[in-house]
Amino acid sequence: MERVCFLLKVRAEKLDEYRERHQSVWADMQQALSETGWHNYSLFLRPDGLLVGYLETPDFAAALAGMAEREVNARWQTSMAPFFEQLDGRRPDEGMFRLEEIFHLA
């Protein structure tokens, strides 16, 4: 399993709404994530808007590609794009900054 950690930055004025949206992630979006290999997926949000995502997957490139083919993902990414800084026209799932894993205690 690949362990993947990534960063994004939520706009300060959108923090409350971003939290609210994640209280009711669409069921079909959750199903698509599960079906495409996103396991143990968590998001953590710092008060200044730094968003840290973590997931485990057999193949991250395949998991991203699988989601890119899902219509529900296109709708979700479009609806979430206004929440983020520094996307430069990319969708949030294309603007993730992946961190290098340098230690893991098994």
Protein backbone atom coordinates (compact mmCIF):
# COMPACT_ATOMS: atom_id res chain seq x y z
CA MET A 1 0.00 0.00 0.00
CA GLU A 2 1.14 3.50 -0.79
CA ARG A 3 0.66 6.01 2.02
CA VAL A 4 -0.09 9.40 0.50
CA CYS A 5 -0.09 12.76 2.27
CA PHE A 6 -0.88 15.99 0.47
CA LEU A 7 -1.46 19.68 1.14
CA LEU A 8 -3.91 22.25 -0.13
CA LYS A 9 -4.82 25.71 1.18
CA VAL A 10 -8.43 26.63 1.97
CA ARG A 11 -9.35 30.31 1.71
CA ALA A 12 -9.72 31.89 5.17
CA GLU A 13 -13.17 33.28 4.41
CA LYS A 14 -14.39 29.82 3.32
CA LEU A 15 -13.21 27.72 6.29
CA ASP A 16 -16.59 27.35 7.99
CA GLU A 17 -18.41 26.45 4.79
CA TYR A 18 -15.63 24.00 3.85
CA ARG A 19 -16.06 22.21 7.19
CA GLU A 20 -19.84 22.12 6.68
CA ARG A 21 -19.55 20.64 3.20
CA HIS A 22 -17.50 17.79 4.59
CA GLN A 23 -20.17 16.91 7.15
CA SER A 24 -22.25 15.59 4.27
CA VAL A 25 -19.98 14.41 1.45
CA TRP A 26 -22.20 13.01 -1.29
CA ALA A 27 -22.78 9.26 -0.97
CA ASP A 28 -21.91 8.70 -4.65
CA MET A 29 -18.63 10.59 -4.15
CA GLN A 30 -17.76 8.43 -1.15
CA GLN A 31 -18.61 5.31 -3.15
CA ALA A 32 -16.45 6.44 -6.09
CA LEU A 33 -13.49 7.07 -3.77
CA SER A 34 -13.83 3.61 -2.25
CA GLU A 35 -14.21 1.92 -5.63
CA THR A 36 -11.12 3.61 -7.07
CA GLY A 37 -8.79 2.67 -4.23
CA TRP A 38 -8.90 5.55 -1.76
CA HIS A 39 -8.66 3.82 1.64
CA ASN A 40 -8.31 5.30 5.14
CA TYR A 41 -8.82 8.71 3.54
CA SER A 42 -8.78 11.60 6.03
CA LEU A 43 -8.64 15.38 5.81
CA PHE A 44 -7.21 17.58 8.57
CA LEU A 45 -7.70 21.35 8.62
CA ARG A 46 -5.55 23.86 10.48
CA PRO A 47 -7.15 27.15 11.64
CA ASP A 48 -5.17 29.10 9.03
CA GLY A 49 -6.60 26.99 6.20
CA LEU A 50 -3.78 24.52 5.68
CA LEU A 51 -5.46 21.28 4.62
CA VAL A 52 -3.62 18.00 5.07
CA GLY A 53 -4.97 14.93 3.32
CA TYR A 54 -3.95 11.35 3.99
CA LEU A 55 -4.91 8.12 2.26
CA GLU A 56 -3.69 4.63 1.61
CA THR A 57 -3.98 3.05 -1.81
CA PRO A 58 -2.45 0.21 -3.83
CA ASP A 59 -1.55 2.69 -6.61
CA PHE A 60 -2.05 6.46 -6.24
CA ALA A 61 -1.71 7.18 -9.95
CA ALA A 62 -4.42 4.59 -10.68
CA ALA A 63 -6.61 6.00 -7.87
CA LEU A 64 -6.35 9.51 -9.34
CA ALA A 65 -7.00 8.22 -12.86
CA GLY A 66 -10.01 6.26 -11.68
CA MET A 67 -11.53 9.32 -10.05
CA ALA A 68 -10.79 11.45 -13.13
CA GLU A 69 -13.13 9.16 -15.09
CA ARG A 70 -16.05 9.59 -12.66
CA GLU A 71 -18.73 12.14 -13.42
CA VAL A 72 -19.40 12.65 -9.71
CA ASN A 73 -15.77 13.66 -9.22
CA ALA A 74 -16.02 16.30 -11.92
CA ARG A 75 -19.09 17.76 -10.17
CA TRP A 76 -17.42 17.61 -6.74
CA GLN A 77 -14.17 19.20 -7.93
CA THR A 78 -16.06 22.01 -9.67
CA SER A 79 -18.10 22.69 -6.53
CA MET A 80 -15.01 22.67 -4.29
CA ALA A 81 -12.59 24.68 -6.45
CA PRO A 82 -13.71 28.10 -5.09
CA PHE A 83 -12.62 27.05 -1.59
CA PHE A 84 -8.91 26.79 -2.45
CA GLU A 85 -6.01 29.17 -2.97
CA GLN A 86 -3.27 28.77 -5.58
CA LEU A 87 -4.94 26.35 -7.98
CA ASP A 88 -4.08 28.45 -11.05
CA GLY A 89 -7.05 27.09 -12.99
CA ARG A 90 -6.55 23.48 -11.94
CA ARG A 91 -9.12 21.39 -10.11
CA PRO A 92 -8.39 20.69 -6.42
CA ASP A 93 -7.49 17.07 -7.19
CA GLU A 94 -4.93 18.34 -9.70
CA GLY A 95 -3.51 20.98 -7.34
CA MET A 96 -2.60 18.73 -4.43
CA PHE A 97 0.99 19.09 -3.27
CA ARG A 98 2.14 15.57 -2.39
CA LEU A 99 4.57 15.25 0.49
CA GLU A 100 7.50 12.84 0.51
CA GLU A 101 7.25 10.13 3.15
CA ILE A 102 10.54 10.02 5.03
CA PHE A 103 9.63 7.79 8.00
CA HIS A 104 7.00 5.19 8.89
CA LEU A 105 6.74 3.22 12.11
CA ALA A 106 5.17 -0.13 11.22
